[in-house]
mmCIF file of all heavy atoms, coordinates in Angstrom:
data_MODEL
# 
_entry.id   MODEL 
# 
loop_
_atom_site.group_PDB 
_atom_site.id 
_atom_site.type_symbol 
_atom_site.label_atom_id 
_atom_site.label_alt_id 
_atom_site.label_comp_id 
_atom_site.label_asym_id 
_atom_site.label_entity_id 
_atom_site.label_seq_id 
_atom_site.pdbx_PDB_ins_code 
_atom_site.Cartn_x 
_atom_site.Cartn_y 
_atom_site.Cartn_z 
_atom_site.occupancy 
_atom_site.B_iso_or_equiv 
_atom_site.pdbx_formal_charge 
_atom_site.auth_seq_id 
_atom_site.auth_comp_id 
_atom_site.auth_asym_id 
_atom_site.auth_atom_id 
_atom_site.pdbx_PDB_model_num 
ATOM 1   N N   . VAL A 1 1  ? 153.741 200.346 115.234 1.00 0.00 ? 1  VAL A N   1 
ATOM 2   C CA  . VAL A 1 1  ? 153.576 198.892 115.303 1.00 0.00 ? 1  VAL A CA  1 
ATOM 3   C C   . VAL A 1 1  ? 154.850 198.279 115.883 1.00 0.00 ? 1  VAL A C   1 
ATOM 4   O O   . VAL A 1 1  ? 155.903 198.315 115.239 1.00 0.00 ? 1  VAL A O   1 
ATOM 5   C CB  . VAL A 1 1  ? 153.298 198.278 113.917 1.00 0.00 ? 1  VAL A CB  1 
ATOM 6   C CG1 . VAL A 1 1  ? 153.085 196.771 114.042 1.00 0.00 ? 1  VAL A CG1 1 
ATOM 7   C CG2 . VAL A 1 1  ? 152.088 198.944 113.256 1.00 0.00 ? 1  VAL A CG2 1 
ATOM 8   N N   . PRO A 1 2  ? 154.778 197.719 117.094 1.00 0.00 ? 2  PRO A N   1 
ATOM 9   C CA  . PRO A 1 2  ? 155.957 197.054 117.643 1.00 0.00 ? 2  PRO A CA  1 
ATOM 10  C C   . PRO A 1 2  ? 156.061 195.616 117.130 1.00 0.00 ? 2  PRO A C   1 
ATOM 11  O O   . PRO A 1 2  ? 155.065 194.990 116.776 1.00 0.00 ? 2  PRO A O   1 
ATOM 12  C CB  . PRO A 1 2  ? 155.675 197.058 119.147 1.00 0.00 ? 2  PRO A CB  1 
ATOM 13  C CG  . PRO A 1 2  ? 154.176 196.986 119.239 1.00 0.00 ? 2  PRO A CG  1 
ATOM 14  C CD  . PRO A 1 2  ? 153.656 197.755 118.043 1.00 0.00 ? 2  PRO A CD  1 
ATOM 15  N N   . LEU A 1 3  ? 157.283 195.125 117.081 1.00 0.00 ? 3  LEU A N   1 
ATOM 16  C CA  . LEU A 1 3  ? 157.529 193.702 116.875 1.00 0.00 ? 3  LEU A CA  1 
ATOM 17  C C   . LEU A 1 3  ? 158.164 193.216 118.167 1.00 0.00 ? 3  LEU A C   1 
ATOM 18  O O   . LEU A 1 3  ? 159.323 193.518 118.463 1.00 0.00 ? 3  LEU A O   1 
ATOM 19  C CB  . LEU A 1 3  ? 158.459 193.455 115.687 1.00 0.00 ? 3  LEU A CB  1 
ATOM 20  C CG  . LEU A 1 3  ? 158.980 192.015 115.521 1.00 0.00 ? 3  LEU A CG  1 
ATOM 21  C CD1 . LEU A 1 3  ? 157.815 191.030 115.408 1.00 0.00 ? 3  LEU A CD1 1 
ATOM 22  C CD2 . LEU A 1 3  ? 159.905 191.894 114.331 1.00 0.00 ? 3  LEU A CD2 1 
ATOM 23  N N   . MET A 1 4  ? 157.401 192.488 118.972 1.00 0.00 ? 4  MET A N   1 
ATOM 24  C CA  . MET A 1 4  ? 157.865 192.067 120.277 1.00 0.00 ? 4  MET A CA  1 
ATOM 25  C C   . MET A 1 4  ? 158.893 190.948 120.119 1.00 0.00 ? 4  MET A C   1 
ATOM 26  O O   . MET A 1 4  ? 158.667 189.984 119.383 1.00 0.00 ? 4  MET A O   1 
ATOM 27  C CB  . MET A 1 4  ? 156.690 191.589 121.129 1.00 0.00 ? 4  MET A CB  1 
ATOM 28  C CG  . MET A 1 4  ? 155.499 192.549 121.155 1.00 0.00 ? 4  MET A CG  1 
ATOM 29  S SD  . MET A 1 4  ? 155.913 194.219 121.730 1.00 0.00 ? 4  MET A SD  1 
ATOM 30  C CE  . MET A 1 4  ? 156.333 193.891 123.458 1.00 0.00 ? 4  MET A CE  1 
ATOM 31  N N   . THR A 1 5  ? 160.028 191.107 120.805 1.00 0.00 ? 5  THR A N   1 
ATOM 32  C CA  . THR A 1 5  ? 161.095 190.113 120.713 1.00 0.00 ? 5  THR A CA  1 
ATOM 33  C C   . THR A 1 5  ? 161.315 189.357 122.008 1.00 0.00 ? 5  THR A C   1 
ATOM 34  O O   . THR A 1 5  ? 161.919 188.279 121.993 1.00 0.00 ? 5  THR A O   1 
ATOM 35  C CB  . THR A 1 5  ? 162.422 190.782 120.306 1.00 0.00 ? 5  THR A CB  1 
ATOM 36  O OG1 . THR A 1 5  ? 162.835 191.681 121.343 1.00 0.00 ? 5  THR A OG1 1 
ATOM 37  C CG2 . THR A 1 5  ? 162.260 191.543 118.990 1.00 0.00 ? 5  THR A CG2 1 
ATOM 38  N N   . GLY A 1 6  ? 160.877 189.944 123.149 1.00 0.00 ? 6  GLY A N   1 
ATOM 39  C CA  . GLY A 1 6  ? 161.026 189.268 124.433 1.00 0.00 ? 6  GLY A CA  1 
ATOM 40  C C   . GLY A 1 6  ? 162.441 189.259 124.956 1.00 0.00 ? 6  GLY A C   1 
ATOM 41  O O   . GLY A 1 6  ? 162.724 188.640 125.978 1.00 0.00 ? 6  GLY A O   1 
ATOM 42  N N   . SER A 1 7  ? 163.362 189.933 124.301 1.00 0.00 ? 7  SER A N   1 
ATOM 43  C CA  . SER A 1 7  ? 164.760 189.941 124.698 1.00 0.00 ? 7  SER A CA  1 
ATOM 44  C C   . SER A 1 7  ? 165.442 191.168 124.105 1.00 0.00 ? 7  SER A C   1 
ATOM 45  O O   . SER A 1 7  ? 165.308 191.435 122.907 1.00 0.00 ? 7  SER A O   1 
ATOM 46  C CB  . SER A 1 7  ? 165.461 188.666 124.198 1.00 0.00 ? 7  SER A CB  1 
ATOM 47  O OG  . SER A 1 7  ? 166.848 188.862 124.026 1.00 0.00 ? 7  SER A OG  1 
ATOM 48  N N   . SER A 1 8  ? 166.174 191.885 124.945 1.00 0.00 ? 8  SER A N   1 
ATOM 49  C CA  . SER A 1 8  ? 166.881 193.069 124.460 1.00 0.00 ? 8  SER A CA  1 
ATOM 50  C C   . SER A 1 8  ? 167.964 192.705 123.456 1.00 0.00 ? 8  SER A C   1 
ATOM 51  O O   . SER A 1 8  ? 168.154 193.389 122.443 1.00 0.00 ? 8  SER A O   1 
ATOM 52  C CB  . SER A 1 8  ? 167.507 193.816 125.641 1.00 0.00 ? 8  SER A CB  1 
ATOM 53  O OG  . SER A 1 8  ? 166.505 194.384 126.461 1.00 0.00 ? 8  SER A OG  1 
ATOM 54  N N   . VAL A 1 9  ? 168.693 191.626 123.723 1.00 0.00 ? 9  VAL A N   1 
ATOM 55  C CA  . VAL A 1 9  ? 169.744 191.204 122.806 1.00 0.00 ? 9  VAL A CA  1 
ATOM 56  C C   . VAL A 1 9  ? 169.148 190.784 121.468 1.00 0.00 ? 9  VAL A C   1 
ATOM 57  O O   . VAL A 1 9  ? 169.655 191.126 120.397 1.00 0.00 ? 9  VAL A O   1 
ATOM 58  C CB  . VAL A 1 9  ? 170.577 190.067 123.417 1.00 0.00 ? 9  VAL A CB  1 
ATOM 59  C CG1 . VAL A 1 9  ? 171.530 189.468 122.378 1.00 0.00 ? 9  VAL A CG1 1 
ATOM 60  C CG2 . VAL A 1 9  ? 171.371 190.579 124.612 1.00 0.00 ? 9  VAL A CG2 1 
ATOM 61  N N   . ARG A 1 10 ? 168.058 190.046 121.542 1.00 0.00 ? 10 ARG A N   1 
ATOM 62  C CA  . ARG A 1 10 ? 167.404 189.623 120.294 1.00 0.00 ? 10 ARG A CA  1 
ATOM 63  C C   . ARG A 1 10 ? 166.921 190.840 119.500 1.00 0.00 ? 10 ARG A C   1 
ATOM 64  O O   . ARG A 1 10 ? 167.053 190.891 118.274 1.00 0.00 ? 10 ARG A O   1 
ATOM 65  C CB  . ARG A 1 10 ? 166.236 188.695 120.601 1.00 0.00 ? 10 ARG A CB  1 
ATOM 66  C CG  . ARG A 1 10 ? 165.512 188.180 119.358 1.00 0.00 ? 10 ARG A CG  1 
ATOM 67  C CD  . ARG A 1 10 ? 164.554 187.056 119.718 1.00 0.00 ? 10 ARG A CD  1 
ATOM 68  N NE  . ARG A 1 10 ? 163.637 186.769 118.621 1.00 0.00 ? 10 ARG A NE  1 
ATOM 69  C CZ  . ARG A 1 10 ? 163.946 186.098 117.520 1.00 0.00 ? 10 ARG A CZ  1 
ATOM 70  N NH1 . ARG A 1 10 ? 165.180 185.660 117.356 1.00 0.00 ? 10 ARG A NH1 1 
ATOM 71  N NH2 . ARG A 1 10 ? 163.048 185.882 116.581 1.00 0.00 ? 10 ARG A NH2 1 
ATOM 72  N N   . ALA A 1 11 ? 166.375 191.835 120.201 1.00 0.00 ? 11 ALA A N   1 
ATOM 73  C CA  . ALA A 1 11 ? 165.929 193.057 119.522 1.00 0.00 ? 11 ALA A CA  1 
ATOM 74  C C   . ALA A 1 11 ? 167.106 193.753 118.858 1.00 0.00 ? 11 ALA A C   1 
ATOM 75  O O   . ALA A 1 11 ? 167.018 194.202 117.706 1.00 0.00 ? 11 ALA A O   1 
ATOM 76  C CB  . ALA A 1 11 ? 165.245 193.993 120.516 1.00 0.00 ? 11 ALA A CB  1 
ATOM 77  N N   . GLY A 1 12 ? 168.227 193.841 119.574 1.00 0.00 ? 12 GLY A N   1 
ATOM 78  C CA  . GLY A 1 12 ? 169.402 194.492 119.013 1.00 0.00 ? 12 GLY A CA  1 
ATOM 79  C C   . GLY A 1 12 ? 169.963 193.744 117.812 1.00 0.00 ? 12 GLY A C   1 
ATOM 80  O O   . GLY A 1 12 ? 170.334 194.349 116.803 1.00 0.00 ? 12 GLY A O   1 
ATOM 81  N N   . ARG A 1 13 ? 170.007 192.424 117.889 1.00 0.00 ? 13 ARG A N   1 
ATOM 82  C CA  . ARG A 1 13 ? 170.542 191.630 116.780 1.00 0.00 ? 13 ARG A CA  1 
ATOM 83  C C   . ARG A 1 13 ? 169.626 191.684 115.571 1.00 0.00 ? 13 ARG A C   1 
ATOM 84  O O   . ARG A 1 13 ? 170.079 191.771 114.431 1.00 0.00 ? 13 ARG A O   1 
ATOM 85  C CB  . ARG A 1 13 ? 170.738 190.178 117.221 1.00 0.00 ? 13 ARG A CB  1 
ATOM 86  C CG  . ARG A 1 13 ? 171.823 190.009 118.279 1.00 0.00 ? 13 ARG A CG  1 
ATOM 87  C CD  . ARG A 1 13 ? 172.230 188.565 118.422 1.00 0.00 ? 13 ARG A CD  1 
ATOM 88  N NE  . ARG A 1 13 ? 172.845 188.084 117.194 1.00 0.00 ? 13 ARG A NE  1 
ATOM 89  C CZ  . ARG A 1 13 ? 172.555 186.902 116.627 1.00 0.00 ? 13 ARG A CZ  1 
ATOM 90  N NH1 . ARG A 1 13 ? 171.644 186.126 117.160 1.00 0.00 ? 13 ARG A NH1 1 
ATOM 91  N NH2 . ARG A 1 13 ? 173.173 186.530 115.521 1.00 0.00 ? 13 ARG A NH2 1 
ATOM 92  N N   . LEU A 1 14 ? 168.318 191.641 115.834 1.00 0.00 ? 14 LEU A N   1 
ATOM 93  C CA  . LEU A 1 14 ? 167.368 191.684 114.720 1.00 0.00 ? 14 LEU A CA  1 
ATOM 94  C C   . LEU A 1 14 ? 167.436 193.036 114.017 1.00 0.00 ? 14 LEU A C   1 
ATOM 95  O O   . LEU A 1 14 ? 167.426 193.105 112.777 1.00 0.00 ? 14 LEU A O   1 
ATOM 96  C CB  . LEU A 1 14 ? 165.951 191.417 115.246 1.00 0.00 ? 14 LEU A CB  1 
ATOM 97  C CG  . LEU A 1 14 ? 164.845 191.239 114.205 1.00 0.00 ? 14 LEU A CG  1 
ATOM 98  C CD1 . LEU A 1 14 ? 165.218 190.185 113.174 1.00 0.00 ? 14 LEU A CD1 1 
ATOM 99  C CD2 . LEU A 1 14 ? 163.532 190.871 114.900 1.00 0.00 ? 14 LEU A CD2 1 
ATOM 100 N N   . SER A 1 15 ? 167.547 194.123 114.793 1.00 0.00 ? 15 SER A N   1 
ATOM 101 C CA  . SER A 1 15 ? 167.671 195.451 114.206 1.00 0.00 ? 15 SER A CA  1 
ATOM 102 C C   . SER A 1 15 ? 168.927 195.539 113.346 1.00 0.00 ? 15 SER A C   1 
ATOM 103 O O   . SER A 1 15 ? 168.897 196.078 112.232 1.00 0.00 ? 15 SER A O   1 
ATOM 104 C CB  . SER A 1 15 ? 167.718 196.509 115.314 1.00 0.00 ? 15 SER A CB  1 
ATOM 105 O OG  . SER A 1 15 ? 168.003 197.787 114.791 1.00 0.00 ? 15 SER A OG  1 
ATOM 106 N N   . ALA A 1 16 ? 170.041 195.000 113.858 1.00 0.00 ? 16 ALA A N   1 
ATOM 107 C CA  . ALA A 1 16 ? 171.303 195.055 113.121 1.00 0.00 ? 16 ALA A CA  1 
ATOM 108 C C   . ALA A 1 16 ? 171.226 194.251 111.824 1.00 0.00 ? 16 ALA A C   1 
ATOM 109 O O   . ALA A 1 16 ? 171.710 194.704 110.773 1.00 0.00 ? 16 ALA A O   1 
ATOM 110 C CB  . ALA A 1 16 ? 172.432 194.519 113.997 1.00 0.00 ? 16 ALA A CB  1 
ATOM 111 N N   . GLU A 1 17 ? 170.614 193.084 111.867 1.00 0.00 ? 17 GLU A N   1 
ATOM 112 C CA  . GLU A 1 17 ? 170.536 192.254 110.670 1.00 0.00 ? 17 GLU A CA  1 
ATOM 113 C C   . GLU A 1 17 ? 169.558 192.831 109.652 1.00 0.00 ? 17 GLU A C   1 
ATOM 114 O O   . GLU A 1 17 ? 169.787 192.738 108.438 1.00 0.00 ? 17 GLU A O   1 
ATOM 115 C CB  . GLU A 1 17 ? 170.170 190.827 111.055 1.00 0.00 ? 17 GLU A CB  1 
ATOM 116 C CG  . GLU A 1 17 ? 171.260 190.156 111.888 1.00 0.00 ? 17 GLU A CG  1 
ATOM 117 C CD  . GLU A 1 17 ? 171.117 188.648 111.970 1.00 0.00 ? 17 GLU A CD  1 
ATOM 118 O OE1 . GLU A 1 17 ? 170.505 188.048 111.053 1.00 0.00 ? 17 GLU A OE1 1 
ATOM 119 O OE2 . GLU A 1 17 ? 171.619 188.079 112.952 1.00 0.00 ? 17 GLU A OE2 1 
ATOM 120 N N   . LEU A 1 18 ? 168.493 193.460 110.126 1.00 0.00 ? 18 LEU A N   1 
ATOM 121 C CA  . LEU A 1 18 ? 167.577 194.121 109.194 1.00 0.00 ? 18 LEU A CA  1 
ATOM 122 C C   . LEU A 1 18 ? 168.276 195.302 108.508 1.00 0.00 ? 18 LEU A C   1 
ATOM 123 O O   . LEU A 1 18 ? 168.060 195.548 107.312 1.00 0.00 ? 18 LEU A O   1 
ATOM 124 C CB  . LEU A 1 18 ? 166.323 194.599 109.939 1.00 0.00 ? 18 LEU A CB  1 
ATOM 125 C CG  . LEU A 1 18 ? 165.328 193.503 110.332 1.00 0.00 ? 18 LEU A CG  1 
ATOM 126 C CD1 . LEU A 1 18 ? 164.236 194.071 111.224 1.00 0.00 ? 18 LEU A CD1 1 
ATOM 127 C CD2 . LEU A 1 18 ? 164.708 192.864 109.091 1.00 0.00 ? 18 LEU A CD2 1 
ATOM 128 N N   . PHE A 1 19 ? 169.106 196.019 109.265 1.00 0.00 ? 19 PHE A N   1 
ATOM 129 C CA  . PHE A 1 19 ? 169.848 197.137 108.674 1.00 0.00 ? 19 PHE A CA  1 
ATOM 130 C C   . PHE A 1 19 ? 170.756 196.632 107.551 1.00 0.00 ? 19 PHE A C   1 
ATOM 131 O O   . PHE A 1 19 ? 170.875 197.276 106.498 1.00 0.00 ? 19 PHE A O   1 
ATOM 132 C CB  . PHE A 1 19 ? 170.659 197.855 109.744 1.00 0.00 ? 19 PHE A CB  1 
ATOM 133 C CG  . PHE A 1 19 ? 171.264 199.155 109.296 1.00 0.00 ? 19 PHE A CG  1 
ATOM 134 C CD1 . PHE A 1 19 ? 170.476 200.278 109.130 1.00 0.00 ? 19 PHE A CD1 1 
ATOM 135 C CD2 . PHE A 1 19 ? 172.623 199.247 109.034 1.00 0.00 ? 19 PHE A CD2 1 
ATOM 136 C CE1 . PHE A 1 19 ? 171.029 201.487 108.705 1.00 0.00 ? 19 PHE A CE1 1 
ATOM 137 C CE2 . PHE A 1 19 ? 173.194 200.439 108.611 1.00 0.00 ? 19 PHE A CE2 1 
ATOM 138 C CZ  . PHE A 1 19 ? 172.386 201.564 108.453 1.00 0.00 ? 19 PHE A CZ  1 
ATOM 139 N N   . GLU A 1 20 ? 171.376 195.484 107.785 1.00 0.00 ? 20 GLU A N   1 
ATOM 140 C CA  . GLU A 1 20 ? 172.231 194.896 106.749 1.00 0.00 ? 20 GLU A CA  1 
ATOM 141 C C   . GLU A 1 20 ? 171.429 194.538 105.499 1.00 0.00 ? 20 GLU A C   1 
ATOM 142 O O   . GLU A 1 20 ? 171.956 194.502 104.392 1.00 0.00 ? 20 GLU A O   1 
ATOM 143 C CB  . GLU A 1 20 ? 172.931 193.646 107.294 1.00 0.00 ? 20 GLU A CB  1 
ATOM 144 C CG  . GLU A 1 20 ? 174.009 193.939 108.326 1.00 0.00 ? 20 GLU A CG  1 
ATOM 145 C CD  . GLU A 1 20 ? 175.144 194.764 107.745 1.00 0.00 ? 20 GLU A CD  1 
ATOM 146 O OE1 . GLU A 1 20 ? 175.592 194.428 106.632 1.00 0.00 ? 20 GLU A OE1 1 
ATOM 147 O OE2 . GLU A 1 20 ? 175.575 195.731 108.395 1.00 0.00 ? 20 GLU A OE2 1 
ATOM 148 N N   . ARG A 1 21 ? 170.129 194.292 105.677 1.00 0.00 ? 21 ARG A N   1 
ATOM 149 C CA  . ARG A 1 21 ? 169.269 193.915 104.551 1.00 0.00 ? 21 ARG A CA  1 
ATOM 150 C C   . ARG A 1 21 ? 168.470 195.102 104.010 1.00 0.00 ? 21 ARG A C   1 
ATOM 151 O O   . ARG A 1 21 ? 167.539 194.926 103.240 1.00 0.00 ? 21 ARG A O   1 
ATOM 152 C CB  . ARG A 1 21 ? 168.335 192.771 104.962 1.00 0.00 ? 21 ARG A CB  1 
ATOM 153 C CG  . ARG A 1 21 ? 169.084 191.488 105.341 1.00 0.00 ? 21 ARG A CG  1 
ATOM 154 C CD  . ARG A 1 21 ? 168.148 190.322 105.491 1.00 0.00 ? 21 ARG A CD  1 
ATOM 155 N NE  . ARG A 1 21 ? 167.462 190.004 104.237 1.00 0.00 ? 21 ARG A NE  1 
ATOM 156 C CZ  . ARG A 1 21 ? 166.608 188.979 104.093 1.00 0.00 ? 21 ARG A CZ  1 
ATOM 157 N NH1 . ARG A 1 21 ? 166.362 188.179 105.118 1.00 0.00 ? 21 ARG A NH1 1 
ATOM 158 N NH2 . ARG A 1 21 ? 166.005 188.764 102.945 1.00 0.00 ? 21 ARG A NH2 1 
ATOM 159 N N   . GLY A 1 22 ? 168.830 196.314 104.458 1.00 0.00 ? 22 GLY A N   1 
ATOM 160 C CA  . GLY A 1 22 ? 168.227 197.502 103.877 1.00 0.00 ? 22 GLY A CA  1 
ATOM 161 C C   . GLY A 1 22 ? 166.984 198.026 104.558 1.00 0.00 ? 22 GLY A C   1 
ATOM 162 O O   . GLY A 1 22 ? 166.238 198.814 103.959 1.00 0.00 ? 22 GLY A O   1 
ATOM 163 N N   . VAL A 1 23 ? 166.755 197.631 105.823 1.00 0.00 ? 23 VAL A N   1 
ATOM 164 C CA  . VAL A 1 23 ? 165.595 198.110 106.573 1.00 0.00 ? 23 VAL A CA  1 
ATOM 165 C C   . VAL A 1 23 ? 166.078 198.831 107.822 1.00 0.00 ? 23 VAL A C   1 
ATOM 166 O O   . VAL A 1 23 ? 166.782 198.248 108.664 1.00 0.00 ? 23 VAL A O   1 
ATOM 167 C CB  . VAL A 1 23 ? 164.655 196.959 106.973 1.00 0.00 ? 23 VAL A CB  1 
ATOM 168 C CG1 . VAL A 1 23 ? 163.488 197.492 107.825 1.00 0.00 ? 23 VAL A CG1 1 
ATOM 169 C CG2 . VAL A 1 23 ? 164.125 196.247 105.738 1.00 0.00 ? 23 VAL A CG2 1 
ATOM 170 N N   . ASN A 1 24 ? 165.714 200.096 107.974 1.00 0.00 ? 24 ASN A N   1 
ATOM 171 C CA  . ASN A 1 24 ? 166.119 200.888 109.132 1.00 0.00 ? 24 ASN A CA  1 
ATOM 172 C C   . ASN A 1 24 ? 164.991 200.933 110.157 1.00 0.00 ? 24 ASN A C   1 
ATOM 173 O O   . ASN A 1 24 ? 163.969 201.580 109.947 1.00 0.00 ? 24 ASN A O   1 
ATOM 174 C CB  . ASN A 1 24 ? 166.481 202.318 108.698 1.00 0.00 ? 24 ASN A CB  1 
ATOM 175 C CG  . ASN A 1 24 ? 166.953 203.166 109.862 1.00 0.00 ? 24 ASN A CG  1 
ATOM 176 O OD1 . ASN A 1 24 ? 167.822 202.765 110.623 1.00 0.00 ? 24 ASN A OD1 1 
ATOM 177 N ND2 . ASN A 1 24 ? 166.368 204.348 110.005 1.00 0.00 ? 24 ASN A ND2 1 
ATOM 178 N N   . VAL A 1 25 ? 165.177 200.213 111.254 1.00 0.00 ? 25 VAL A N   1 
ATOM 179 C CA  . VAL A 1 25 ? 164.214 200.223 112.359 1.00 0.00 ? 25 VAL A CA  1 
ATOM 180 C C   . VAL A 1 25 ? 165.007 200.037 113.643 1.00 0.00 ? 25 VAL A C   1 
ATOM 181 O O   . VAL A 1 25 ? 165.956 199.247 113.696 1.00 0.00 ? 25 VAL A O   1 
ATOM 182 C CB  . VAL A 1 25 ? 163.150 199.112 112.204 1.00 0.00 ? 25 VAL A CB  1 
ATOM 183 C CG1 . VAL A 1 25 ? 163.788 197.722 112.152 1.00 0.00 ? 25 VAL A CG1 1 
ATOM 184 C CG2 . VAL A 1 25 ? 162.126 199.186 113.330 1.00 0.00 ? 25 VAL A CG2 1 
ATOM 185 N N   . GLN A 1 26 ? 164.640 200.769 114.680 1.00 0.00 ? 26 GLN A N   1 
ATOM 186 C CA  . GLN A 1 26 ? 165.443 200.755 115.893 1.00 0.00 ? 26 GLN A CA  1 
ATOM 187 C C   . GLN A 1 26 ? 164.848 199.860 116.975 1.00 0.00 ? 26 GLN A C   1 
ATOM 188 O O   . GLN A 1 26 ? 163.628 199.701 117.077 1.00 0.00 ? 26 GLN A O   1 
ATOM 189 C CB  . GLN A 1 26 ? 165.619 202.172 116.423 1.00 0.00 ? 26 GLN A CB  1 
ATOM 190 C CG  . GLN A 1 26 ? 166.479 203.035 115.506 1.00 0.00 ? 26 GLN A CG  1 
ATOM 191 C CD  . GLN A 1 26 ? 166.807 204.370 116.109 1.00 0.00 ? 26 GLN A CD  1 
ATOM 192 O OE1 . GLN A 1 26 ? 166.100 204.870 116.972 1.00 0.00 ? 26 GLN A OE1 1 
ATOM 193 N NE2 . GLN A 1 26 ? 167.896 204.972 115.656 1.00 0.00 ? 26 GLN A NE2 1 
ATOM 194 N N   . PRO A 1 27 ? 165.725 199.294 117.808 1.00 0.00 ? 27 PRO A N   1 
ATOM 195 C CA  . PRO A 1 27 ? 165.259 198.460 118.921 1.00 0.00 ? 27 PRO A CA  1 
ATOM 196 C C   . PRO A 1 27 ? 164.899 199.312 120.134 1.00 0.00 ? 27 PRO A C   1 
ATOM 197 O O   . PRO A 1 27 ? 165.482 200.373 120.358 1.00 0.00 ? 27 PRO A O   1 
ATOM 198 C CB  . PRO A 1 27 ? 166.480 197.590 119.217 1.00 0.00 ? 27 PRO A CB  1 
ATOM 199 C CG  . PRO A 1 27 ? 167.643 198.483 118.869 1.00 0.00 ? 27 PRO A CG  1 
ATOM 200 C CD  . PRO A 1 27 ? 167.188 199.312 117.691 1.00 0.00 ? 27 PRO A CD  1 
ATOM 201 N N   . ILE A 1 28 ? 163.942 198.840 120.900 1.00 0.00 ? 28 ILE A N   1 
ATOM 202 C CA  . ILE A 1 28 ? 163.617 199.432 122.198 1.00 0.00 ? 28 ILE A CA  1 
ATOM 203 C C   . ILE A 1 28 ? 163.903 198.353 123.234 1.00 0.00 ? 28 ILE A C   1 
ATOM 204 O O   . ILE A 1 28 ? 163.278 197.290 123.224 1.00 0.00 ? 28 ILE A O   1 
ATOM 205 C CB  . ILE A 1 28 ? 162.140 199.863 122.282 1.00 0.00 ? 28 ILE A CB  1 
ATOM 206 C CG1 . ILE A 1 28 ? 161.804 200.821 121.132 1.00 0.00 ? 28 ILE A CG1 1 
ATOM 207 C CG2 . ILE A 1 28 ? 161.854 200.512 123.628 1.00 0.00 ? 28 ILE A CG2 1 
ATOM 208 C CD1 . ILE A 1 28 ? 162.539 202.132 121.161 1.00 0.00 ? 28 ILE A CD1 1 
# 
């Protein structure tokens, strides 16, 4: 299941902030 972000930077930032909140998911 992808979560479309429409931006590579947004995907990277969202992945990093989710990791800080205890969720491990990687950006594409």
